[in-house]
Amino acid sequence: MRRIALVTVLALALAAVSAGTASAAGKNGFFKTSNNRIWCGWGYGGGTGFVVCGIKNGYLKPKPKNTCKHIDYVGNRIAFNATGKAKIQPCAGDAGPFANPKATKVLAPGKTWSGGGMSCTAIKSSSVKCKNKSKHGFKMTTPGPYQLF
């Protein structure tokens, strides 16, 4: 979990500066659902990759338990790496997937983003399903419950 958080912080900070363009460290960027409720940040390169998605101005359902000790409770994010299982990210010390609104592109219903062995498809204007090369991932829906697989 700490690795996902660290990779997320570093990659999204870089993405905020580079506005989603390729950099020496790899590629990164942002997308959101057409209803403007689910926002995602992604990055990959150098053999690693991640996707983190969050519900803007809301919480996951069911709402994750607040276990935060040294960073802020957000309760709105799910993250995963290019391999391994997706995990709830209840705590964050950064803007994460909401870091660069001007660089965030709309992922229209039925369209798919893919890169670094990961992919995310906007199922409807209010849901996204993401998976990695390990066939693990998540489905996030507003206003409904999330699923990890």
N, C-alpha and C. Protein backbone atom coordinates (compact mmCIF):
# COMPACT_ATOMS: atom_id res chain seq x y z
N MET A 1 0.83 -1.19 0.00
CA MET A 1 0.00 0.00 0.00
C MET A 1 0.87 1.25 0.00
N ARG A 2 1.95 1.24 0.81
CA ARG A 2 2.84 2.40 0.84
C ARG A 2 3.49 2.63 -0.52
N ARG A 3 3.80 1.52 -1.24
CA ARG A 3 4.43 1.65 -2.55
C ARG A 3 3.48 2.34 -3.52
N ILE A 4 2.21 1.95 -3.50
CA ILE A 4 1.22 2.59 -4.38
C ILE A 4 1.14 4.07 -4.05
N ALA A 5 1.07 4.40 -2.76
CA ALA A 5 0.97 5.80 -2.36
C ALA A 5 2.19 6.59 -2.79
N LEU A 6 3.38 6.04 -2.61
CA LEU A 6 4.61 6.73 -2.99
C LEU A 6 4.69 6.91 -4.49
N VAL A 7 4.40 5.85 -5.24
CA VAL A 7 4.42 5.95 -6.70
C VAL A 7 3.40 6.97 -7.16
N THR A 8 2.22 6.96 -6.55
CA THR A 8 1.16 7.91 -6.91
C THR A 8 1.60 9.34 -6.67
N VAL A 9 2.14 9.61 -5.50
CA VAL A 9 2.58 10.96 -5.16
C VAL A 9 3.64 11.44 -6.15
N LEU A 10 4.65 10.63 -6.37
CA LEU A 10 5.74 11.05 -7.26
C LEU A 10 5.29 11.20 -8.70
N ALA A 11 4.55 10.23 -9.19
CA ALA A 11 4.13 10.28 -10.59
C ALA A 11 3.12 11.39 -10.85
N LEU A 12 2.18 11.59 -9.94
CA LEU A 12 1.19 12.64 -10.18
C LEU A 12 1.78 14.03 -9.98
N ALA A 13 2.77 14.15 -9.13
CA ALA A 13 3.46 15.44 -9.01
C ALA A 13 4.17 15.76 -10.32
N LEU A 14 4.81 14.76 -10.90
CA LEU A 14 5.46 14.94 -12.18
C LEU A 14 4.42 15.26 -13.26
N ALA A 15 3.29 14.57 -13.21
CA ALA A 15 2.25 14.80 -14.21
C ALA A 15 1.69 16.21 -14.12
N ALA A 16 1.56 16.71 -12.92
CA ALA A 16 1.03 18.07 -12.75
C ALA A 16 1.95 19.09 -13.39
N VAL A 17 3.25 18.83 -13.33
CA VAL A 17 4.22 19.74 -13.93
C VAL A 17 4.28 19.56 -15.44
N SER A 18 4.22 18.32 -15.89
CA SER A 18 4.40 18.07 -17.32
C SER A 18 3.10 18.07 -18.11
N ALA A 19 1.96 18.24 -17.42
CA ALA A 19 0.64 18.31 -18.06
C ALA A 19 0.35 17.10 -18.94
N GLY A 20 0.77 15.93 -18.50
CA GLY A 20 0.40 14.71 -19.20
C GLY A 20 1.27 14.37 -20.39
N THR A 21 2.40 14.99 -20.56
CA THR A 21 3.26 14.69 -21.69
C THR A 21 4.31 13.67 -21.29
N ALA A 22 4.96 13.09 -22.27
CA ALA A 22 6.02 12.12 -21.99
C ALA A 22 7.19 12.83 -21.32
N SER A 23 7.82 12.13 -20.42
CA SER A 23 8.99 12.68 -19.73
C SER A 23 10.07 11.64 -19.71
N ALA A 24 11.23 12.00 -19.19
CA ALA A 24 12.35 11.07 -19.11
C ALA A 24 11.98 9.87 -18.25
N ALA A 25 11.10 10.03 -17.27
CA ALA A 25 10.73 8.95 -16.36
C ALA A 25 9.64 8.04 -16.93
N GLY A 26 8.98 8.43 -18.00
CA GLY A 26 7.91 7.63 -18.58
C GLY A 26 6.78 8.50 -19.05
N LYS A 27 5.59 7.93 -19.08
CA LYS A 27 4.41 8.66 -19.52
C LYS A 27 3.43 8.75 -18.37
N ASN A 28 2.62 9.80 -18.36
CA ASN A 28 1.62 9.99 -17.31
C ASN A 28 0.53 10.92 -17.81
N GLY A 29 -0.58 10.91 -17.13
CA GLY A 29 -1.68 11.78 -17.52
C GLY A 29 -2.91 11.56 -16.67
N PHE A 30 -4.02 12.12 -17.13
CA PHE A 30 -5.27 12.11 -16.38
C PHE A 30 -6.45 11.92 -17.32
N PHE A 31 -7.50 11.27 -16.83
CA PHE A 31 -8.77 11.23 -17.55
C PHE A 31 -9.90 11.22 -16.53
N LYS A 32 -11.11 11.48 -17.02
CA LYS A 32 -12.29 11.49 -16.15
C LYS A 32 -13.49 10.99 -16.93
N THR A 33 -14.52 10.57 -16.19
CA THR A 33 -15.76 10.15 -16.85
C THR A 33 -16.51 11.39 -17.33
N SER A 34 -17.41 11.17 -18.28
CA SER A 34 -18.11 12.31 -18.88
C SER A 34 -19.07 13.01 -17.91
N ASN A 35 -19.46 12.35 -16.81
CA ASN A 35 -20.31 13.03 -15.83
C ASN A 35 -19.47 13.85 -14.84
N ASN A 36 -18.14 13.85 -15.01
CA ASN A 36 -17.22 14.67 -14.21
C ASN A 36 -17.12 14.21 -12.75
N ARG A 37 -17.49 12.98 -12.46
CA ARG A 37 -17.48 12.51 -11.06
C ARG A 37 -16.29 11.60 -10.75
N ILE A 38 -15.82 10.80 -11.72
CA ILE A 38 -14.69 9.90 -11.48
C ILE A 38 -13.49 10.43 -12.25
N TRP A 39 -12.41 10.70 -11.51
CA TRP A 39 -11.18 11.23 -12.09
C TRP A 39 -10.06 10.22 -11.84
N CYS A 40 -9.21 10.03 -12.84
CA CYS A 40 -8.12 9.06 -12.73
C CYS A 40 -6.80 9.68 -13.16
N GLY A 41 -5.73 9.26 -12.49
CA GLY A 41 -4.38 9.61 -12.88
C GLY A 41 -3.64 8.32 -13.17
N TRP A 42 -2.72 8.36 -14.13
CA TRP A 42 -1.98 7.17 -14.50
C TRP A 42 -0.54 7.54 -14.81
N GLY A 43 0.32 6.54 -14.72
CA GLY A 43 1.72 6.72 -15.09
C GLY A 43 2.37 5.37 -15.29
N TYR A 44 3.33 5.31 -16.21
CA TYR A 44 4.09 4.08 -16.40
C TYR A 44 5.41 4.40 -17.08
N GLY A 45 6.34 3.47 -16.91
CA GLY A 45 7.67 3.59 -17.49
C GLY A 45 8.69 2.96 -16.56
N GLY A 46 9.79 2.55 -17.11
CA GLY A 46 10.84 1.95 -16.30
C GLY A 46 10.42 0.66 -15.62
N GLY A 47 9.47 -0.06 -16.21
CA GLY A 47 9.04 -1.33 -15.66
C GLY A 47 7.97 -1.24 -14.58
N THR A 48 7.49 -0.04 -14.27
CA THR A 48 6.43 0.12 -13.27
C THR A 48 5.26 0.88 -13.87
N GLY A 49 4.15 0.84 -13.20
CA GLY A 49 3.00 1.60 -13.65
C GLY A 49 1.93 1.63 -12.58
N PHE A 50 1.02 2.58 -12.68
CA PHE A 50 -0.08 2.70 -11.71
C PHE A 50 -1.26 3.39 -12.35
N VAL A 51 -2.42 3.16 -11.77
CA VAL A 51 -3.64 3.93 -12.03
C VAL A 51 -4.26 4.20 -10.67
N VAL A 52 -4.69 5.41 -10.44
CA VAL A 52 -5.46 5.74 -9.23
C VAL A 52 -6.68 6.55 -9.67
N CYS A 53 -7.85 6.12 -9.22
CA CYS A 53 -9.09 6.82 -9.55
C CYS A 53 -9.79 7.25 -8.27
N GLY A 54 -10.47 8.38 -8.35
CA GLY A 54 -11.18 8.89 -7.19
C GLY A 54 -12.50 9.51 -7.57
N ILE A 55 -13.39 9.55 -6.61
CA ILE A 55 -14.70 10.18 -6.81
C ILE A 55 -14.58 11.64 -6.38
N LYS A 56 -14.84 12.53 -7.32
CA LYS A 56 -14.73 13.96 -7.04
C LYS A 56 -15.90 14.40 -6.17
N ASN A 57 -15.59 15.11 -5.09
CA ASN A 57 -16.60 15.63 -4.17
C ASN A 57 -17.51 14.54 -3.61
N GLY A 58 -16.91 13.39 -3.27
CA GLY A 58 -17.70 12.31 -2.71
C GLY A 58 -16.81 11.22 -2.13
N TYR A 59 -17.43 10.15 -1.70
CA TYR A 59 -16.74 9.01 -1.10
C TYR A 59 -17.10 7.73 -1.83
N LEU A 60 -16.24 6.73 -1.68
CA LEU A 60 -16.57 5.40 -2.17
C LEU A 60 -17.75 4.88 -1.37
N LYS A 61 -18.49 3.97 -1.97
CA LYS A 61 -19.59 3.31 -1.25
C LYS A 61 -19.34 1.82 -1.32
N PRO A 62 -19.23 1.14 -0.18
CA PRO A 62 -19.32 1.69 1.16
C PRO A 62 -18.10 2.56 1.49
N LYS A 63 -18.33 3.54 2.34
CA LYS A 63 -17.28 4.49 2.71
C LYS A 63 -16.17 3.76 3.49
N PRO A 64 -14.90 3.89 3.04
CA PRO A 64 -13.80 3.21 3.74
C PRO A 64 -13.60 3.75 5.16
N LYS A 65 -13.11 2.88 6.01
CA LYS A 65 -12.82 3.24 7.40
C LYS A 65 -11.64 4.21 7.43
N ASN A 66 -11.70 5.19 8.30
CA ASN A 66 -10.62 6.16 8.46
C ASN A 66 -9.55 5.57 9.36
N THR A 67 -8.46 5.12 8.73
CA THR A 67 -7.32 4.56 9.46
C THR A 67 -6.09 5.47 9.34
N CYS A 68 -6.29 6.68 8.90
CA CYS A 68 -5.19 7.61 8.62
C CYS A 68 -4.56 8.10 9.93
N LYS A 69 -3.24 8.14 9.93
CA LYS A 69 -2.52 8.61 11.12
C LYS A 69 -1.72 9.89 10.83
N HIS A 70 -1.04 9.95 9.69
CA HIS A 70 -0.16 11.09 9.42
C HIS A 70 -0.50 11.85 8.14
N ILE A 71 -1.52 11.38 7.43
CA ILE A 71 -1.96 12.09 6.22
C ILE A 71 -3.48 12.18 6.26
N ASP A 72 -4.06 12.87 5.32
CA ASP A 72 -5.49 13.17 5.34
C ASP A 72 -6.36 12.00 4.90
N TYR A 73 -7.51 11.89 5.53
CA TYR A 73 -8.52 10.93 5.09
C TYR A 73 -9.23 11.53 3.88
N VAL A 74 -9.29 10.75 2.79
CA VAL A 74 -10.03 11.18 1.61
C VAL A 74 -11.21 10.25 1.32
N GLY A 75 -11.02 8.95 1.53
CA GLY A 75 -12.11 7.99 1.39
C GLY A 75 -12.72 7.88 0.01
N ASN A 76 -11.98 8.32 -1.01
CA ASN A 76 -12.58 8.36 -2.34
C ASN A 76 -11.75 7.72 -3.45
N ARG A 77 -10.69 6.95 -3.10
CA ARG A 77 -9.77 6.47 -4.14
C ARG A 77 -9.53 4.98 -4.11
N ILE A 78 -9.29 4.44 -5.30
CA ILE A 78 -8.83 3.06 -5.48
C ILE A 78 -7.61 3.15 -6.39
N ALA A 79 -6.59 2.35 -6.07
CA ALA A 79 -5.35 2.39 -6.85
C ALA A 79 -4.85 0.98 -7.13
N PHE A 80 -4.06 0.85 -8.19
CA PHE A 80 -3.37 -0.40 -8.45
C PHE A 80 -2.13 -0.14 -9.27
N ASN A 81 -1.24 -1.14 -9.26
CA ASN A 81 -0.02 -1.10 -10.06
C ASN A 81 -0.24 -1.95 -11.31
N ALA A 82 0.78 -2.00 -12.17
CA ALA A 82 0.68 -2.76 -13.41
C ALA A 82 0.49 -4.26 -13.15
N THR A 83 0.90 -4.73 -11.99
CA THR A 83 0.64 -6.10 -11.56
C THR A 83 0.14 -6.07 -10.13
N GLY A 84 -0.56 -7.10 -9.73
CA GLY A 84 -1.06 -7.17 -8.36
C GLY A 84 -2.49 -6.68 -8.24
N LYS A 85 -3.01 -6.78 -7.02
CA LYS A 85 -4.41 -6.45 -6.75
C LYS A 85 -4.62 -4.96 -6.52
N ALA A 86 -5.81 -4.51 -6.85
CA ALA A 86 -6.23 -3.14 -6.57
C ALA A 86 -6.52 -3.01 -5.09
N LYS A 87 -6.32 -1.80 -4.56
CA LYS A 87 -6.54 -1.56 -3.13
C LYS A 87 -7.24 -0.22 -2.93
N ILE A 88 -8.06 -0.19 -1.90
CA ILE A 88 -8.68 1.06 -1.47
C ILE A 88 -7.58 1.96 -0.94
N GLN A 89 -7.62 3.23 -1.27
CA GLN A 89 -6.65 4.20 -0.79
C GLN A 89 -7.40 5.26 0.03
N PRO A 90 -7.68 4.95 1.31
CA PRO A 90 -8.49 5.87 2.11
C PRO A 90 -7.75 7.14 2.54
N CYS A 91 -6.42 7.11 2.51
CA CYS A 91 -5.62 8.23 3.00
C CYS A 91 -4.75 8.77 1.87
N ALA A 92 -4.54 10.07 1.85
CA ALA A 92 -3.68 10.68 0.83
C ALA A 92 -3.16 12.01 1.34
N GLY A 93 -1.99 12.36 0.88
CA GLY A 93 -1.40 13.63 1.24
C GLY A 93 -1.23 14.53 0.03
N ASP A 94 -1.98 14.23 -1.03
CA ASP A 94 -1.84 14.99 -2.27
C ASP A 94 -3.19 15.06 -3.00
N ALA A 95 -3.20 15.78 -4.10
CA ALA A 95 -4.43 15.92 -4.89
C ALA A 95 -4.69 14.69 -5.75
N GLY A 96 -3.68 13.83 -5.93
CA GLY A 96 -3.85 12.59 -6.68
C GLY A 96 -4.46 12.79 -8.05
N PRO A 97 -5.54 12.06 -8.35
CA PRO A 97 -6.12 12.13 -9.69
C PRO A 97 -6.78 13.46 -10.03
N PHE A 98 -6.90 14.34 -9.04
CA PHE A 98 -7.52 15.65 -9.25
C PHE A 98 -6.48 16.76 -9.44
N ALA A 99 -5.20 16.38 -9.60
CA ALA A 99 -4.08 17.32 -9.56
C ALA A 99 -4.01 18.30 -10.72
N ASN A 100 -4.50 17.93 -11.89
CA ASN A 100 -4.30 18.80 -13.05
C ASN A 100 -5.56 18.87 -13.91
N PRO A 101 -6.57 19.62 -13.49
CA PRO A 101 -7.84 19.68 -14.23
C PRO A 101 -7.68 20.08 -15.70
N LYS A 102 -6.77 20.98 -16.00
CA LYS A 102 -6.61 21.44 -17.39
C LYS A 102 -6.08 20.34 -18.31
N ALA A 103 -5.32 19.39 -17.76
CA ALA A 103 -4.76 18.31 -18.56
C ALA A 103 -5.64 17.06 -18.55
N THR A 104 -6.75 17.08 -17.83
CA THR A 104 -7.61 15.90 -17.69
C THR A 104 -8.55 15.79 -18.89
N LYS A 105 -8.46 14.66 -19.57
CA LYS A 105 -9.27 14.43 -20.76
C LYS A 105 -10.50 13.59 -20.40
N VAL A 106 -11.60 13.80 -21.12
CA VAL A 106 -12.81 13.01 -20.89
C VAL A 106 -12.66 11.66 -21.59
N LEU A 107 -12.94 10.59 -20.84
CA LEU A 107 -12.99 9.24 -21.39
C LEU A 107 -14.48 8.94 -21.61
N ALA A 108 -14.90 9.06 -22.85
CA ALA A 108 -16.32 8.92 -23.19
C ALA A 108 -16.80 7.48 -22.99
N PRO A 109 -18.10 7.29 -22.72
CA PRO A 109 -18.64 5.94 -22.55
C PRO A 109 -18.28 5.04 -23.74
N GLY A 110 -17.81 3.83 -23.42
CA GLY A 110 -17.40 2.88 -24.45
C GLY A 110 -15.96 3.02 -24.89
N LYS A 111 -15.29 4.07 -24.49
CA LYS A 111 -13.89 4.29 -24.88
C LYS A 111 -12.96 3.72 -23.82
N THR A 112 -11.74 3.36 -24.25
CA THR A 112 -10.75 2.75 -23.36
C THR A 112 -9.45 3.50 -23.41
N TRP A 113 -8.86 3.74 -22.26
CA TRP A 113 -7.48 4.20 -22.14
C TRP A 113 -6.64 2.96 -21.85
N SER A 114 -5.45 2.86 -22.44
CA SER A 114 -4.56 1.75 -22.11
C SER A 114 -3.12 2.19 -22.21
N GLY A 115 -2.28 1.57 -21.39
CA GLY A 115 -0.85 1.84 -21.40
C GLY A 115 -0.16 1.09 -20.28
N GLY A 116 1.06 0.67 -20.51
CA GLY A 116 1.85 0.02 -19.48
C GLY A 116 1.26 -1.27 -18.96
N GLY A 117 0.48 -1.98 -19.78
CA GLY A 117 -0.15 -3.22 -19.34
C GLY A 117 -1.41 -3.02 -18.53
N MET A 118 -1.94 -1.82 -18.53
CA MET A 118 -3.16 -1.49 -17.78
C MET A 118 -4.17 -0.89 -18.74
N SER A 119 -5.46 -1.02 -18.39
CA SER A 119 -6.49 -0.39 -19.22
C SER A 119 -7.68 0.00 -18.35
N CYS A 120 -8.38 1.04 -18.78
CA CYS A 120 -9.59 1.51 -18.11
C CYS A 120 -10.62 1.84 -19.18
N THR A 121 -11.83 1.35 -18.98
CA THR A 121 -12.92 1.59 -19.92
C THR A 121 -14.05 2.32 -19.21
N ALA A 122 -14.52 3.38 -19.83
CA ALA A 122 -15.71 4.08 -19.32
C ALA A 122 -16.92 3.26 -19.77
N ILE A 123 -17.61 2.66 -18.82
CA ILE A 123 -18.74 1.79 -19.15
C ILE A 123 -19.97 2.64 -19.44
N LYS A 124 -20.21 3.61 -18.61
CA LYS A 124 -21.28 4.60 -18.78
C LYS A 124 -20.67 5.95 -18.45
N SER A 125 -21.48 6.99 -18.47
CA SER A 125 -20.96 8.30 -18.10
C SER A 125 -20.59 8.35 -16.63
N SER A 126 -21.03 7.35 -15.85
CA SER A 126 -20.83 7.38 -14.40
C SER A 126 -20.05 6.19 -13.86
N SER A 127 -19.37 5.43 -14.71
CA SER A 127 -18.59 4.29 -14.20
C SER A 127 -17.38 4.00 -15.06
N VAL A 128 -16.37 3.44 -14.41
CA VAL A 128 -15.14 3.07 -15.08
C VAL A 128 -14.68 1.72 -14.54
N LYS A 129 -14.15 0.88 -15.43
CA LYS A 129 -13.62 -0.42 -15.04
C LYS A 129 -12.17 -0.48 -15.50
N CYS A 130 -11.27 -0.73 -14.55
CA CYS A 130 -9.84 -0.77 -14.83
C CYS A 130 -9.27 -2.13 -14.49
N LYS A 131 -8.31 -2.60 -15.29
CA LYS A 131 -7.64 -3.87 -15.00
C LYS A 131 -6.19 -3.78 -15.43
N ASN A 132 -5.38 -4.68 -14.85
CA ASN A 132 -3.96 -4.71 -15.19
C ASN A 132 -3.61 -6.04 -15.86
N LYS A 133 -2.33 -6.23 -16.16
CA LYS A 133 -1.92 -7.45 -16.86
C LYS A 133 -2.04 -8.69 -15.99
N SER A 134 -2.22 -8.53 -14.68
CA SER A 134 -2.47 -9.66 -13.79
C SER A 134 -3.96 -10.01 -13.75
N LYS A 135 -4.78 -9.29 -14.54
CA LYS A 135 -6.24 -9.46 -14.59
C LYS A 135 -6.93 -9.04 -13.29
N HIS A 136 -6.23 -8.23 -12.48
CA HIS A 136 -6.83 -7.66 -11.28
C HIS A 136 -7.25 -6.23 -11.61
N GLY A 137 -8.18 -5.70 -10.82
CA GLY A 137 -8.60 -4.34 -11.05
C GLY A 137 -9.78 -3.95 -10.19
N PHE A 138 -10.55 -3.01 -10.71
CA PHE A 138 -11.69 -2.49 -9.97
C PHE A 138 -12.72 -1.90 -10.91
N LYS A 139 -13.92 -1.79 -10.39
CA LYS A 139 -14.99 -1.06 -11.08
C LYS A 139 -15.47 -0.01 -10.09
N MET A 140 -15.53 1.22 -10.54
CA MET A 140 -15.97 2.34 -9.70
C MET A 140 -17.18 2.96 -10.37
N THR A 141 -18.23 3.16 -9.60
CA THR A 141 -19.48 3.69 -10.13
C THR A 141 -20.00 4.78 -9.20
N THR A 142 -20.58 5.83 -9.79
CA THR A 142 -21.28 6.82 -8.98
C THR A 142 -22.74 6.73 -9.37
N PRO A 143 -23.63 6.56 -8.45
CA PRO A 143 -23.44 6.65 -7.01
C PRO A 143 -23.25 5.29 -6.35
N GLY A 144 -23.12 4.22 -7.13
CA GLY A 144 -23.16 2.86 -6.58
C GLY A 144 -21.90 2.36 -5.93
N PRO A 145 -21.92 1.10 -5.53
CA PRO A 145 -20.77 0.52 -4.83
C PRO A 145 -19.62 0.21 -5.80
N TYR A 146 -18.42 0.17 -5.26
CA TYR A 146 -17.24 -0.21 -6.03
C TYR A 146 -17.05 -1.72 -5.95
N GLN A 147 -16.25 -2.27 -6.86
CA GLN A 147 -15.89 -3.68 -6.85
C GLN A 147 -14.40 -3.81 -7.06
N LEU A 148 -13.75 -4.67 -6.30
CA LEU A 148 -12.36 -5.05 -6.52
C LEU A 148 -12.34 -6.47 -7.06
N PHE A 149 -11.47 -6.75 -8.02
CA PHE A 149 -11.37 -8.13 -8.53
C PHE A 149 -9.92 -8.45 -8.86
